[in-house]
Structure formats: structure tokens, C-alpha cells
C-alpha atoms as a PDB file:
ATOM      1  CA  MET A   1      29.075  29.664 -13.930  1.00  0.00           C
ATOM      2  CA  GLU A   2      29.895  27.322 -16.319  1.00  0.00           C
ATOM      3  CA  LYS A   3      31.449  25.179 -12.860  1.00  0.00           C
ATOM      4  CA  HIS A   4      28.075  25.550 -11.147  1.00  0.00           C
ATOM      5  CA  GLU A   5      26.587  24.439 -14.308  1.00  0.00           C
ATOM      6  CA  ASN A   6      29.186  20.792 -14.732  1.00  0.00           C
ATOM      7  CA  LEU A   7      28.756  20.121 -10.898  1.00  0.00           C
ATOM      8  CA  ARG A   8      25.019  19.989 -10.426  1.00  0.00           C
ATOM      9  CA  LEU A   9      24.655  17.784 -13.530  1.00  0.00           C
ATOM     10  CA  PRO A  10      26.388  13.775 -11.729  1.00  0.00           C
ATOM     11  CA  LEU A  11      24.627  15.098  -9.314  1.00  0.00           C
ATOM     12  CA  GLN A  12      21.315  15.364 -10.219  1.00  0.00           C
ATOM     13  CA  GLN A  13      22.367  11.853 -12.265  1.00  0.00           C
ATOM     14  CA  GLU A  14      23.257  10.260  -9.094  1.00  0.00           C
ATOM     15  CA  SER A  15      20.099  11.141  -6.749  1.00  0.00           C
ATOM     16  CA  MET A  16      18.392   9.534  -9.635  1.00  0.00           C
ATOM     17  CA  ARG A  17      19.832   6.005  -9.482  1.00  0.00           C
ATOM     18  CA  ALA A  18      20.241   5.817  -6.130  1.00  0.00           C
ATOM     19  CA  HIS A  19      16.019   6.363  -5.746  1.00  0.00           C
ATOM     20  CA  SER A  20      16.068   3.636  -8.583  1.00  0.00           C
ATOM     21  CA  GLU A  21      17.497   0.984  -6.908  1.00  0.00           C
ATOM     22  CA  GLY A  22      15.286   1.606  -3.351  1.00  0.00           C
ATOM     23  CA  ARG A  23      12.515   1.803  -5.188  1.00  0.00           C
ATOM     24  CA  PHE A  24      13.214  -1.772  -7.049  1.00  0.00           C
ATOM     25  CA  SER A  25      14.830  -3.355  -3.778  1.00  0.00           C
ATOM     26  CA  ALA A  26      11.776  -2.008  -1.324  1.00  0.00           C
ATOM     27  CA  GLY A  27       9.598  -3.659  -4.453  1.00  0.00           C
ATOM     28  CA  LEU A  28      11.856  -6.674  -4.713  1.00  0.00           C
ATOM     29  CA  LEU A  29      11.243  -6.859  -0.711  1.00  0.00           C
ATOM     30  CA  TRP A  30       7.169  -6.516  -0.945  1.00  0.00           C
ATOM     31  CA  GLY A  31       6.910  -9.101  -3.641  1.00  0.00           C
ATOM     32  CA  ILE A  32       8.500 -11.575  -1.385  1.00  0.00           C
ATOM     33  CA  LEU A  33       6.680 -10.628   1.505  1.00  0.00           C
ATOM     34  CA  ILE A  34       3.277 -11.366  -0.179  1.00  0.00           C
ATOM     35  CA  SER A  35       4.400 -14.620  -1.870  1.00  0.00           C
ATOM     36  CA  ILE A  36       5.464 -16.098   1.015  1.00  0.00           C
ATOM     37  CA  PRO A  37       1.752 -16.223   1.862  1.00  0.00           C
ATOM     38  CA  LEU A  38       0.991 -17.531  -1.029  1.00  0.00           C
ATOM     39  CA  TRP A  39       2.750 -19.393  -1.301  1.00  0.00           C
ATOM     40  CA  ILE A  40       2.168 -22.039   2.089  1.00  0.00           C
ATOM     41  CA  SER A  41      -1.373 -21.189   1.090  1.00  0.00           C
ATOM     42  CA  LEU A  42      -0.484 -23.000  -1.978  1.00  0.00           C
ATOM     43  CA  LEU A  43       1.923 -26.575  -0.438  1.00  0.00           C
ATOM     44  CA  GLY A  44      -0.616 -26.555   2.269  1.00  0.00           C
ATOM     45  CA  TRP A  45      -3.577 -26.871  -0.615  1.00  0.00           C
ATOM     46  CA  ILE A  46      -1.377 -29.425  -1.905  1.00  0.00           C
ATOM     47  CA  ILE A  47      -0.366 -31.661   1.619  1.00  0.00           C
ATOM     48  CA  SER A  48      -4.165 -31.438   2.243  1.00  0.00           C
ATOM     49  CA  PHE A  49      -5.455 -32.565  -1.040  1.00  0.00           C
ATOM     50  CA  THR A  50      -2.791 -35.176  -1.036  1.00  0.00           C
ATOM     51  CA  ARG A  51      -3.642 -36.601   2.409  1.00  0.00           C
END
């Protein structure tokens, strides 16, 4: 019984860490995807304003 308890604990921590890493990379990806059109529109606005 004690061996089973020891095996179960690191596995749970590993899956928790992998899940948080996945969520972080997904958030980073969404952040980049959202910011690209914002930067393009900001750049276009500055260019049109300086002309």
C-alpha cells in the first residue's frame, strides 16, 4: 500500500506542471496572435498620420 502511495504522488505533480506549461504557451500564442493586428493597425495609423 505504501509503495502505491509513493508512485502516485510524483505522477500527479508532473501532470500538473505539464498542464500549467501548456496553458502558459497557449496564452502566449493567443497574446501574439491578438497583438499582431494591433501593431499593424498602430503602424498604419502612424504612417498615415505622418504623411
